[in-house]
Amino acid sequence: MAVTVQRFDQETAHKAHGDTIWAAPFLPHDMEAPFDSAWGYLEGPGSLEPHSHPADEIYFIFQGRGRVVVAGEEAVVSVGDVISIPANAEHSMICDEGPLLWAAIWWHPQTS
């Protein structure tokens, strides 16, 4: 088995969320996972458009420093931070100086 290393590459990323961020998948194309995922990248200054969706989500901060807003509450975030975003909560990332890089995973809540 060969080791697969995934890194964010702006050259292969695409604009997302109303062209406010760069995004790219981070799992290998042949890997099946019980969640969806993507890199999020802001060069700064800038912000991810506020949005919500019916999935729970977690952001892992890999590079930079910025702010996250979840359901109207704002917090400073930096490398090593993990942000939990509940389903249907409006959220955004803000980068005053760049770059800011995070990995997002999201999944739909389990129903019985």
PDB file of N, CA and C in Angstrom:
ATOM      1  N   MET A   1       0.840  -1.166   0.000  1.00  0.00           N
ATOM      2  CA  MET A   1       0.000   0.000   0.000  1.00  0.00           C
ATOM      3  C   MET A   1       0.896   1.244   0.000  1.00  0.00           C
ATOM      4  N   ALA A   2       0.579   2.203  -0.843  1.00  0.00           N
ATOM      5  CA  ALA A   2       1.341   3.445  -0.919  1.00  0.00           C
ATOM      6  C   ALA A   2       0.746   4.478   0.041  1.00  0.00           C
ATOM      7  N   VAL A   3       1.597   5.298   0.600  1.00  0.00           N
ATOM      8  CA  VAL A   3       1.153   6.376   1.472  1.00  0.00           C
ATOM      9  C   VAL A   3       0.586   7.494   0.601  1.00  0.00           C
ATOM     10  N   THR A   4      -0.586   7.981   0.979  1.00  0.00           N
ATOM     11  CA  THR A   4      -1.217   9.089   0.265  1.00  0.00           C
ATOM     12  C   THR A   4      -1.164  10.322   1.149  1.00  0.00           C
ATOM     13  N   VAL A   5      -0.610  11.396   0.630  1.00  0.00           N
ATOM     14  CA  VAL A   5      -0.528  12.656   1.367  1.00  0.00           C
ATOM     15  C   VAL A   5      -1.344  13.688   0.597  1.00  0.00           C
ATOM     16  N   GLN A   6      -2.291  14.310   1.286  1.00  0.00           N
ATOM     17  CA  GLN A   6      -3.125  15.342   0.680  1.00  0.00           C
ATOM     18  C   GLN A   6      -2.723  16.693   1.264  1.00  0.00           C
ATOM     19  N   ARG A   7      -2.535  17.684   0.412  1.00  0.00           N
ATOM     20  CA  ARG A   7      -2.239  19.053   0.849  1.00  0.00           C
ATOM     21  C   ARG A   7      -3.120  20.017   0.072  1.00  0.00           C
ATOM     22  N   PHE A   8      -3.442  21.122   0.704  1.00  0.00           N
ATOM     23  CA  PHE A   8      -4.193  22.154  -0.009  1.00  0.00           C
ATOM     24  C   PHE A   8      -3.301  22.750  -1.084  1.00  0.00           C
ATOM     25  N   ASP A   9      -3.847  22.895  -2.286  1.00  0.00           N
ATOM     26  CA  ASP A   9      -3.132  23.484  -3.413  1.00  0.00           C
ATOM     27  C   ASP A   9      -4.078  24.473  -4.085  1.00  0.00           C
ATOM     28  N   GLN A  10      -3.786  25.746  -3.960  1.00  0.00           N
ATOM     29  CA  GLN A  10      -4.669  26.762  -4.527  1.00  0.00           C
ATOM     30  C   GLN A  10      -4.779  26.634  -6.042  1.00  0.00           C
ATOM     31  N   GLU A  11      -3.756  26.070  -6.683  1.00  0.00           N
ATOM     32  CA  GLU A  11      -3.789  25.882  -8.145  1.00  0.00           C
ATOM     33  C   GLU A  11      -4.906  24.937  -8.580  1.00  0.00           C
ATOM     34  N   THR A  12      -5.265  23.974  -7.729  1.00  0.00           N
ATOM     35  CA  THR A  12      -6.319  23.020  -8.083  1.00  0.00           C
ATOM     36  C   THR A  12      -7.624  23.292  -7.337  1.00  0.00           C
ATOM     37  N   ALA A  13      -7.650  24.303  -6.479  1.00  0.00           N
ATOM     38  CA  ALA A  13      -8.854  24.656  -5.724  1.00  0.00           C
ATOM     39  C   ALA A  13      -9.826  25.421  -6.616  1.00  0.00           C
ATOM     40  N   HIS A  14     -11.050  25.549  -6.154  1.00  0.00           N
ATOM     41  CA  HIS A  14     -12.073  26.295  -6.878  1.00  0.00           C
ATOM     42  C   HIS A  14     -12.741  27.293  -5.918  1.00  0.00           C
ATOM     43  N   LYS A  15     -13.313  28.322  -6.488  1.00  0.00           N
ATOM     44  CA  LYS A  15     -14.040  29.294  -5.678  1.00  0.00           C
ATOM     45  C   LYS A  15     -15.343  28.658  -5.205  1.00  0.00           C
ATOM     46  N   ALA A  16     -15.732  28.950  -3.969  1.00  0.00           N
ATOM     47  CA  ALA A  16     -16.944  28.379  -3.388  1.00  0.00           C
ATOM     48  C   ALA A  16     -17.636  29.418  -2.506  1.00  0.00           C
ATOM     49  N   HIS A  17     -18.824  29.093  -2.062  1.00  0.00           N
ATOM     50  CA  HIS A  17     -19.618  29.957  -1.187  1.00  0.00           C
ATOM     51  C   HIS A  17     -19.676  31.385  -1.727  1.00  0.00           C
ATOM     52  N   GLY A  18     -20.259  31.510  -2.920  1.00  0.00           N
ATOM     53  CA  GLY A  18     -20.405  32.831  -3.524  1.00  0.00           C
ATOM     54  C   GLY A  18     -19.080  33.469  -3.867  1.00  0.00           C
ATOM     55  N   ASP A  19     -18.107  32.630  -4.230  1.00  0.00           N
ATOM     56  CA  ASP A  19     -16.753  33.083  -4.588  1.00  0.00           C
ATOM     57  C   ASP A  19     -16.035  33.797  -3.443  1.00  0.00           C
ATOM     58  N   THR A  20     -16.390  33.480  -2.184  1.00  0.00           N
ATOM     59  CA  THR A  20     -15.754  34.151  -1.054  1.00  0.00           C
ATOM     60  C   THR A  20     -14.534  33.400  -0.524  1.00  0.00           C
ATOM     61  N   ILE A  21     -14.411  32.096  -0.838  1.00  0.00           N
ATOM     62  CA  ILE A  21     -13.267  31.307  -0.384  1.00  0.00           C
ATOM     63  C   ILE A  21     -12.781  30.413  -1.519  1.00  0.00           C
ATOM     64  N   TRP A  22     -11.589  29.859  -1.332  1.00  0.00           N
ATOM     65  CA  TRP A  22     -11.083  28.782  -2.177  1.00  0.00           C
ATOM     66  C   TRP A  22     -11.381  27.480  -1.455  1.00  0.00           C
ATOM     67  N   ALA A  23     -11.809  26.460  -2.179  1.00  0.00           N
ATOM     68  CA  ALA A  23     -12.132  25.170  -1.565  1.00  0.00           C
ATOM     69  C   ALA A  23     -11.579  24.046  -2.439  1.00  0.00           C
ATOM     70  N   ALA A  24     -11.306  22.909  -1.807  1.00  0.00           N
ATOM     71  CA  ALA A  24     -10.817  21.732  -2.525  1.00  0.00           C
ATOM     72  C   ALA A  24     -11.075  20.503  -1.663  1.00  0.00           C
ATOM     73  N   PRO A  25     -11.324  19.366  -2.279  1.00  0.00           N
ATOM     74  CA  PRO A  25     -11.477  18.149  -1.483  1.00  0.00           C
ATOM     75  C   PRO A  25     -10.156  17.771  -0.832  1.00  0.00           C
ATOM     76  N   PHE A  26     -10.209  17.061   0.312  1.00  0.00           N
ATOM     77  CA  PHE A  26      -8.945  16.632   0.909  1.00  0.00           C
ATOM     78  C   PHE A  26      -8.830  15.132   1.097  1.00  0.00           C
ATOM     79  N   LEU A  27      -9.906  14.392   0.886  1.00  0.00           N
ATOM     80  CA  LEU A  27      -9.792  12.936   0.933  1.00  0.00           C
ATOM     81  C   LEU A  27      -9.437  12.410  -0.451  1.00  0.00           C
ATOM     82  N   PRO A  28      -8.688  11.312  -0.528  1.00  0.00           N
ATOM     83  CA  PRO A  28      -8.417  10.714  -1.836  1.00  0.00           C
ATOM     84  C   PRO A  28      -9.737  10.376  -2.532  1.00  0.00           C
ATOM     85  N   HIS A  29      -9.769  10.512  -3.852  1.00  0.00           N
ATOM     86  CA  HIS A  29     -11.004  10.309  -4.621  1.00  0.00           C
ATOM     87  C   HIS A  29     -11.580   8.907  -4.461  1.00  0.00           C
ATOM     88  N   ASP A  30     -10.745   7.911  -4.199  1.00  0.00           N
ATOM     89  CA  ASP A  30     -11.235   6.543  -4.098  1.00  0.00           C
ATOM     90  C   ASP A  30     -11.590   6.132  -2.669  1.00  0.00           C
ATOM     91  N   MET A  31     -11.503   7.064  -1.722  1.00  0.00           N
ATOM     92  CA  MET A  31     -11.817   6.740  -0.325  1.00  0.00           C
ATOM     93  C   MET A  31     -13.278   7.056  -0.034  1.00  0.00           C
ATOM     94  N   GLU A  32     -13.982   6.076   0.507  1.00  0.00           N
ATOM     95  CA  GLU A  32     -15.366   6.290   0.919  1.00  0.00           C
ATOM     96  C   GLU A  32     -15.375   6.626   2.397  1.00  0.00           C
ATOM     97  N   ALA A  33     -16.084   7.688   2.759  1.00  0.00           N
ATOM     98  CA  ALA A  33     -16.145   8.124   4.155  1.00  0.00           C
ATOM     99  C   ALA A  33     -17.598   8.417   4.517  1.00  0.00           C
ATOM    100  N   PRO A  34     -17.956   8.326   5.791  1.00  0.00           N
ATOM    101  CA  PRO A  34     -19.333   8.613   6.210  1.00  0.00           C
ATOM    102  C   PRO A  34     -19.600  10.113   6.384  1.00  0.00           C
ATOM    103  N   PHE A  35     -18.755  10.938   5.800  1.00  0.00           N
ATOM    104  CA  PHE A  35     -18.906  12.385   5.897  1.00  0.00           C
ATOM    105  C   PHE A  35     -18.381  13.008   4.611  1.00  0.00           C
ATOM    106  N   ASP A  36     -18.738  14.270   4.394  1.00  0.00           N
ATOM    107  CA  ASP A  36     -18.178  15.051   3.293  1.00  0.00           C
ATOM    108  C   ASP A  36     -17.085  15.928   3.870  1.00  0.00           C
ATOM    109  N   SER A  37     -16.201  16.418   2.997  1.00  0.00           N
ATOM    110  CA  SER A  37     -15.061  17.180   3.495  1.00  0.00           C
ATOM    111  C   SER A  37     -14.537  18.142   2.442  1.00  0.00           C
ATOM    112  N   ALA A  38     -13.827  19.155   2.916  1.00  0.00           N
ATOM    113  CA  ALA A  38     -13.180  20.105   2.007  1.00  0.00           C
ATOM    114  C   ALA A  38     -12.201  20.969   2.780  1.00  0.00           C
ATOM    115  N   TRP A  39     -11.166  21.431   2.066  1.00  0.00           N
ATOM    116  CA  TRP A  39     -10.328  22.509   2.575  1.00  0.00           C
ATOM    117  C   TRP A  39     -11.082  23.809   2.377  1.00  0.00           C
ATOM    118  N   GLY A  40     -10.892  24.766   3.275  1.00  0.00           N
ATOM    119  CA  GLY A  40     -11.367  26.131   3.105  1.00  0.00           C
ATOM    120  C   GLY A  40     -10.163  27.050   3.231  1.00  0.00           C
ATOM    121  N   TYR A  41     -10.073  28.067   2.365  1.00  0.00           N
ATOM    122  CA  TYR A  41      -8.887  28.923   2.352  1.00  0.00           C
ATOM    123  C   TYR A  41      -9.286  30.357   2.069  1.00  0.00           C
ATOM    124  N   LEU A  42      -8.798  31.257   2.910  1.00  0.00           N
ATOM    125  CA  LEU A  42      -8.962  32.694   2.709  1.00  0.00           C
ATOM    126  C   LEU A  42      -7.581  33.330   2.680  1.00  0.00           C
ATOM    127  N   GLU A  43      -7.319  34.151   1.663  1.00  0.00           N
ATOM    128  CA  GLU A  43      -6.031  34.837   1.599  1.00  0.00           C
ATOM    129  C   GLU A  43      -5.987  36.005   2.565  1.00  0.00           C
ATOM    130  N   GLY A  44      -7.081  36.644   2.809  1.00  0.00           N
ATOM    131  CA  GLY A  44      -7.186  37.768   3.732  1.00  0.00           C
ATOM    132  C   GLY A  44      -6.736  39.081   3.120  1.00  0.00           C
ATOM    133  N   PRO A  45      -7.335  40.156   3.533  1.00  0.00           N
ATOM    134  CA  PRO A  45      -8.523  40.130   4.364  1.00  0.00           C
ATOM    135  C   PRO A  45      -9.741  39.648   3.570  1.00  0.00           C
ATOM    136  N   GLY A  46     -10.638  38.990   4.253  1.00  0.00           N
ATOM    137  CA  GLY A  46     -11.842  38.487   3.608  1.00  0.00           C
ATOM    138  C   GLY A  46     -12.632  37.616   4.549  1.00  0.00           C
ATOM    139  N   SER A  47     -13.783  37.167   4.079  1.00  0.00           N
ATOM    140  CA  SER A  47     -14.609  36.314   4.916  1.00  0.00           C
ATOM    141  C   SER A  47     -15.423  35.344   4.078  1.00  0.00           C
ATOM    142  N   LEU A  48     -15.688  34.211   4.677  1.00  0.00           N
ATOM    143  CA  LEU A  48     -16.591  33.217   4.116  1.00  0.00           C
ATOM    144  C   LEU A  48     -17.997  33.755   4.267  1.00  0.00           C
ATOM    145  N   GLU A  49     -18.786  33.695   3.189  1.00  0.00           N
ATOM    146  CA  GLU A  49     -20.146  34.215   3.299  1.00  0.00           C
ATOM    147  C   GLU A  49     -20.904  33.466   4.397  1.00  0.00           C
ATOM    148  N   PRO A  50     -21.654  34.188   5.228  1.00  0.00           N
ATOM    149  CA  PRO A  50     -22.454  33.519   6.253  1.00  0.00           C
ATOM    150  C   PRO A  50     -23.449  32.572   5.582  1.00  0.00           C
ATOM    151  N   HIS A  51     -23.557  31.376   6.122  1.00  0.00           N
ATOM    152  CA  HIS A  51     -24.463  30.374   5.560  1.00  0.00           C
ATOM    153  C   HIS A  51     -24.835  29.355   6.626  1.00  0.00           C
ATOM    154  N   SER A  52     -25.836  28.558   6.337  1.00  0.00           N
ATOM    155  CA  SER A  52     -26.224  27.463   7.222  1.00  0.00           C
ATOM    156  C   SER A  52     -26.661  26.297   6.352  1.00  0.00           C
ATOM    157  N   HIS A  53     -26.699  25.130   6.947  1.00  0.00           N
ATOM    158  CA  HIS A  53     -27.122  23.918   6.242  1.00  0.00           C
ATOM    159  C   HIS A  53     -27.567  22.887   7.275  1.00  0.00           C
ATOM    160  N   PRO A  54     -28.307  21.873   6.841  1.00  0.00           N
ATOM    161  CA  PRO A  54     -28.856  20.907   7.798  1.00  0.00           C
ATOM    162  C   PRO A  54     -27.868  19.818   8.219  1.00  0.00           C
ATOM    163  N   ALA A  55     -26.588  20.093   8.164  1.00  0.00           N
ATOM    164  CA  ALA A  55     -25.564  19.120   8.558  1.00  0.00           C
ATOM    165  C   ALA A  55     -24.750  19.663   9.724  1.00  0.00           C
ATOM    166  N   ASP A  56     -24.346  18.772  10.623  1.00  0.00           N
ATOM    167  CA  ASP A  56     -23.370  19.134  11.641  1.00  0.00           C
ATOM    168  C   ASP A  56     -22.015  19.273  10.959  1.00  0.00           C
ATOM    169  N   GLU A  57     -21.139  20.139  11.485  1.00  0.00           N
ATOM    170  CA  GLU A  57     -19.859  20.399  10.820  1.00  0.00           C
ATOM    171  C   GLU A  57     -18.790  20.703  11.860  1.00  0.00           C
ATOM    172  N   ILE A  58     -17.557  20.368  11.517  1.00  0.00           N
ATOM    173  CA  ILE A  58     -16.401  20.693  12.352  1.00  0.00           C
ATOM    174  C   ILE A  58     -15.334  21.305  11.461  1.00  0.00           C
ATOM    175  N   TYR A  59     -14.715  22.394  11.930  1.00  0.00           N
ATOM    176  CA  TYR A  59     -13.569  23.008  11.260  1.00  0.00           C
ATOM    177  C   TYR A  59     -12.319  22.735  12.094  1.00  0.00           C
ATOM    178  N   PHE A  60     -11.226  22.371  11.427  1.00  0.00           N
ATOM    179  CA  PHE A  60      -9.917  22.201  12.045  1.00  0.00           C
ATOM    180  C   PHE A  60      -9.006  23.267  11.449  1.00  0.00           C
ATOM    181  N   ILE A  61      -8.446  24.155  12.257  1.00  0.00           N
ATOM    182  CA  ILE A  61      -7.604  25.239  11.746  1.00  0.00           C
ATOM    183  C   ILE A  61      -6.176  24.727  11.575  1.00  0.00           C
ATOM    184  N   PHE A  62      -5.650  24.874  10.353  1.00  0.00           N
ATOM    185  CA  PHE A  62      -4.311  24.394  10.023  1.00  0.00           C
ATOM    186  C   PHE A  62      -3.289  25.506   9.830  1.00  0.00           C
ATOM    187  N   GLN A  63      -3.747  26.694   9.437  1.00  0.00           N
ATOM    188  CA  GLN A  63      -2.809  27.782   9.161  1.00  0.00           C
ATOM    189  C   GLN A  63      -3.490  29.108   9.432  1.00  0.00           C
ATOM    190  N   GLY A  64      -2.757  30.022  10.055  1.00  0.00           N
ATOM    191  CA  GLY A  64      -3.233  31.383  10.235  1.00  0.00           C
ATOM    192  C   GLY A  64      -4.000  31.619  11.515  1.00  0.00           C
ATOM    193  N   ARG A  65      -4.601  32.785  11.529  1.00  0.00           N
ATOM    194  CA  ARG A  65      -5.380  33.246  12.679  1.00  0.00           C
ATOM    195  C   ARG A  65      -6.547  34.036  12.116  1.00  0.00           C
ATOM    196  N   GLY A  66      -7.709  33.875  12.728  1.00  0.00           N
ATOM    197  CA  GLY A  66      -8.881  34.595  12.255  1.00  0.00           C
ATOM    198  C   GLY A  66      -9.973  34.572  13.297  1.00  0.00           C
ATOM    199  N   ARG A  67     -11.178  34.722  12.823  1.00  0.00           N
ATOM    200  CA  ARG A  67     -12.337  34.691  13.706  1.00  0.00           C
ATOM    201  C   ARG A  67     -13.399  33.799  13.081  1.00  0.00           C
ATOM    202  N   VAL A  68     -14.152  33.130  13.937  1.00  0.00           N
ATOM    203  CA  VAL A  68     -15.288  32.347  13.493  1.00  0.00           C
ATOM    204  C   VAL A  68     -16.533  32.943  14.140  1.00  0.00           C
ATOM    205  N   VAL A  69     -17.624  32.944  13.400  1.00  0.00           N
ATOM    206  CA  VAL A  69     -18.912  33.380  13.929  1.00  0.00           C
ATOM    207  C   VAL A  69     -19.878  32.220  13.748  1.00  0.00           C
ATOM    208  N   VAL A  70     -20.452  31.759  14.855  1.00  0.00           N
ATOM    209  CA  VAL A  70     -21.432  30.668  14.825  1.00  0.00           C
ATOM    210  C   VAL A  70     -22.655  31.124  15.602  1.00  0.00           C
ATOM    211  N   ALA A  71     -23.793  31.161  14.921  1.00  0.00           N
ATOM    212  CA  ALA A  71     -25.063  31.564  15.542  1.00  0.00           C
ATOM    213  C   ALA A  71     -24.924  32.896  16.280  1.00  0.00           C
ATOM    214  N   GLY A  72     -24.204  33.842  15.670  1.00  0.00           N
ATOM    215  CA  GLY A  72     -24.066  35.173  16.230  1.00  0.00           C
ATOM    216  C   GLY A  72     -22.967  35.343  17.263  1.00  0.00           C
ATOM    217  N   GLU A  73     -22.320  34.251  17.671  1.00  0.00           N
ATOM    218  CA  GLU A  73     -21.223  34.341  18.641  1.00  0.00           C
ATOM    219  C   GLU A  73     -19.892  34.277  17.909  1.00  0.00           C
ATOM    220  N   GLU A  74     -18.975  35.189  18.253  1.00  0.00           N
ATOM    221  CA  GLU A  74     -17.677  35.283  17.581  1.00  0.00           C
ATOM    222  C   GLU A  74     -16.558  34.844  18.516  1.00  0.00           C
ATOM    223  N   ALA A  75     -15.561  34.142  17.947  1.00  0.00           N
ATOM    224  CA  ALA A  75     -14.392  33.722  18.723  1.00  0.00           C
ATOM    225  C   ALA A  75     -13.156  33.809  17.839  1.00  0.00           C
ATOM    226  N   VAL A  76     -12.016  34.122  18.445  1.00  0.00           N
ATOM    227  CA  VAL A  76     -10.732  34.121  17.752  1.00  0.00           C
ATOM    228  C   VAL A  76     -10.280  32.673  17.612  1.00  0.00           C
ATOM    229  N   VAL A  77      -9.752  32.318  16.435  1.00  0.00           N
ATOM    230  CA  VAL A  77      -9.268  30.961  16.181  1.00  0.00           C
ATOM    231  C   VAL A  77      -7.866  31.018  15.582  1.00  0.00           C
ATOM    232  N   SER A  78      -7.088  29.964  15.851  1.00  0.00           N
ATOM    233  CA  SER A  78      -5.746  29.855  15.292  1.00  0.00           C
ATOM    234  C   SER A  78      -5.377  28.379  15.167  1.00  0.00           C
ATOM    235  N   VAL A  79      -4.173  28.125  14.691  1.00  0.00           N
ATOM    236  CA  VAL A  79      -3.704  26.775  14.407  1.00  0.00           C
ATOM    237  C   VAL A  79      -3.944  25.842  15.602  1.00  0.00           C
ATOM    238  N   GLY A  80      -4.527  24.687  15.308  1.00  0.00           N
ATOM    239  CA  GLY A  80      -4.802  23.685  16.328  1.00  0.00           C
ATOM    240  C   GLY A  80      -6.205  23.750  16.897  1.00  0.00           C
ATOM    241  N   ASP A  81      -6.942  24.810  16.597  1.00  0.00           N
ATOM    242  CA  ASP A  81      -8.305  24.932  17.125  1.00  0.00           C
ATOM    243  C   ASP A  81      -9.272  24.064  16.323  1.00  0.00           C
ATOM    244  N   VAL A  82     -10.301  23.583  17.014  1.00  0.00           N
ATOM    245  CA  VAL A  82     -11.378  22.796  16.414  1.00  0.00           C
ATOM    246  C   VAL A  82     -12.680  23.503  16.753  1.00  0.00           C
ATOM    247  N   ILE A  83     -13.485  23.783  15.726  1.00  0.00           N
ATOM    248  CA  ILE A  83     -14.738  24.512  15.908  1.00  0.00           C
ATOM    249  C   ILE A  83     -15.892  23.585  15.582  1.00  0.00           C
ATOM    250  N   SER A  84     -16.835  23.452  16.506  1.00  0.00           N
ATOM    251  CA  SER A  84     -18.042  22.648  16.282  1.00  0.00           C
ATOM    252  C   SER A  84     -19.164  23.567  15.817  1.00  0.00           C
ATOM    253  N   ILE A  85     -19.832  23.180  14.744  1.00  0.00           N
ATOM    254  CA  ILE A  85     -20.917  23.983  14.184  1.00  0.00           C
ATOM    255  C   ILE A  85     -22.162  23.102  14.102  1.00  0.00           C
ATOM    256  N   PRO A  86     -23.175  23.404  14.905  1.00  0.00           N
ATOM    257  CA  PRO A  86     -24.382  22.583  14.878  1.00  0.00           C
ATOM    258  C   PRO A  86     -25.168  22.757  13.585  1.00  0.00           C
ATOM    259  N   ALA A  87     -25.936  21.748  13.244  1.00  0.00           N
ATOM    260  CA  ALA A  87     -26.805  21.817  12.072  1.00  0.00           C
ATOM    261  C   ALA A  87     -27.691  23.059  12.156  1.00  0.00           C
ATOM    262  N   ASN A  88     -27.879  23.700  11.015  1.00  0.00           N
ATOM    263  CA  ASN A  88     -28.753  24.873  10.840  1.00  0.00           C
ATOM    264  C   ASN A  88     -28.263  26.148  11.511  1.00  0.00           C
ATOM    265  N   ALA A  89     -27.073  26.151  12.108  1.00  0.00           N
ATOM    266  CA  ALA A  89     -26.530  27.378  12.703  1.00  0.00           C
ATOM    267  C   ALA A  89     -25.822  28.191  11.617  1.00  0.00           C
ATOM    268  N   GLU A  90     -26.166  29.469  11.489  1.00  0.00           N
ATOM    269  CA  GLU A  90     -25.456  30.315  10.528  1.00  0.00           C
ATOM    270  C   GLU A  90     -24.022  30.475  11.010  1.00  0.00           C
ATOM    271  N   HIS A  91     -23.074  30.361  10.065  1.00  0.00           N
ATOM    272  CA  HIS A  91     -21.661  30.461  10.439  1.00  0.00           C
ATOM    273  C   HIS A  91     -20.840  31.082   9.324  1.00  0.00           C
ATOM    274  N   SER A  92     -19.662  31.601   9.735  1.00  0.00           N
ATOM    275  CA  SER A  92     -18.751  32.265   8.810  1.00  0.00           C
ATOM    276  C   SER A  92     -17.347  32.233   9.403  1.00  0.00           C
ATOM    277  N   MET A  93     -16.345  32.360   8.538  1.00  0.00           N
ATOM    278  CA  MET A  93     -14.957  32.534   8.953  1.00  0.00           C
ATOM    279  C   MET A  93     -14.510  33.908   8.476  1.00  0.00           C
ATOM    280  N   ILE A  94     -13.698  34.575   9.270  1.00  0.00           N
ATOM    281  CA  ILE A  94     -13.197  35.908   8.933  1.00  0.00           C
ATOM    282  C   ILE A  94     -11.683  35.889   9.049  1.00  0.00           C
ATOM    283  N   CYS A  95     -11.022  36.403   8.026  1.00  0.00           N
ATOM    284  CA  CYS A  95      -9.561  36.468   8.010  1.00  0.00           C
ATOM    285  C   CYS A  95      -9.164  37.928   7.856  1.00  0.00           C
ATOM    286  N   ASP A  96      -8.582  38.505   8.912  1.00  0.00           N
ATOM    287  CA  ASP A  96      -8.141  39.895   8.846  1.00  0.00           C
ATOM    288  C   ASP A  96      -6.788  40.009   8.159  1.00  0.00           C
ATOM    289  N   GLU A  97      -5.943  39.018   8.363  1.00  0.00           N
ATOM    290  CA  GLU A  97      -4.647  38.908   7.693  1.00  0.00           C
ATOM    291  C   GLU A  97      -4.539  37.466   7.226  1.00  0.00           C
ATOM    292  N   GLY A  98      -3.940  37.249   6.103  1.00  0.00           N
ATOM    293  CA  GLY A  98      -3.930  35.881   5.579  1.00  0.00           C
ATOM    294  C   GLY A  98      -2.575  35.254   5.604  1.00  0.00           C
ATOM    295  N   PRO A  99      -2.577  34.020   5.203  1.00  0.00           N
ATOM    296  CA  PRO A  99      -3.748  33.229   4.845  1.00  0.00           C
ATOM    297  C   PRO A  99      -4.329  32.482   6.041  1.00  0.00           C
ATOM    298  N   LEU A 100      -5.569  32.024   5.866  1.00  0.00           N
ATOM    299  CA  LEU A 100      -6.260  31.215   6.859  1.00  0.00           C
ATOM    300  C   LEU A 100      -6.710  29.941   6.158  1.00  0.00           C
ATOM    301  N   LEU A 101      -6.276  28.790   6.669  1.00  0.00           N
ATOM    302  CA  LEU A 101      -6.588  27.493   6.058  1.00  0.00           C
ATOM    303  C   LEU A 101      -7.226  26.590   7.099  1.00  0.00           C
ATOM    304  N   TRP A 102      -8.354  25.976   6.724  1.00  0.00           N
ATOM    305  CA  TRP A 102      -9.012  25.030   7.618  1.00  0.00           C
ATOM    306  C   TRP A 102      -9.524  23.843   6.816  1.00  0.00           C
ATOM    307  N   ALA A 103      -9.712  22.738   7.514  1.00  0.00           N
ATOM    308  CA  ALA A 103     -10.353  21.557   6.936  1.00  0.00           C
ATOM    309  C   ALA A 103     -11.727  21.452   7.572  1.00  0.00           C
ATOM    310  N   ALA A 104     -12.723  21.181   6.749  1.00  0.00           N
ATOM    311  CA  ALA A 104     -14.094  21.040   7.237  1.00  0.00           C
ATOM    312  C   ALA A 104     -14.585  19.626   6.957  1.00  0.00           C
ATOM    313  N   ILE A 105     -15.260  19.052   7.930  1.00  0.00           N
ATOM    314  CA  ILE A 105     -15.986  17.812   7.674  1.00  0.00           C
ATOM    315  C   ILE A 105     -17.417  18.027   8.128  1.00  0.00           C
ATOM    316  N   TRP A 106     -18.375  17.474   7.384  1.00  0.00           N
ATOM    317  CA  TRP A 106     -19.763  17.619   7.741  1.00  0.00           C
ATOM    318  C   TRP A 106     -20.522  16.339   7.440  1.00  0.00           C
ATOM    319  N   TRP A 107     -21.562  16.108   8.218  1.00  0.00           N
ATOM    320  CA  TRP A 107     -22.372  14.907   8.096  1.00  0.00           C
ATOM    321  C   TRP A 107     -23.772  15.242   8.551  1.00  0.00           C
ATOM    322  N   HIS A 108     -24.691  14.475   8.050  1.00  0.00           N
ATOM    323  CA  HIS A 108     -26.093  14.681   8.433  1.00  0.00           C
ATOM    324  C   HIS A 108     -26.389  13.920   9.712  1.00  0.00           C
ATOM    325  N   PRO A 109     -27.108  14.539  10.638  1.00  0.00           N
ATOM    326  CA  PRO A 109     -27.401  13.869  11.914  1.00  0.00           C
ATOM    327  C   PRO A 109     -28.062  12.513  11.700  1.00  0.00           C
ATOM    328  N   GLN A 110     -27.745  11.570  12.557  1.00  0.00           N
ATOM    329  CA  GLN A 110     -28.324  10.230  12.490  1.00  0.00           C
ATOM    330  C   GLN A 110     -29.784  10.284  12.904  1.00  0.00           C
ATOM    331  N   THR A 111     -30.619   9.570  12.173  1.00  0.00           N
ATOM    332  CA  THR A 111     -32.034   9.465  12.546  1.00  0.00           C
ATOM    333  C   THR A 111     -32.326   8.031  12.925  1.00  0.00           C
ATOM    334  N   SER A 112     -33.195   7.852  13.886  1.00  0.00           N
ATOM    335  CA  SER A 112     -33.522   6.504  14.374  1.00  0.00           C
ATOM    336  C   SER A 112     -34.654   5.910  13.595  1.00  0.00           C
TER     337      SER A 112
END
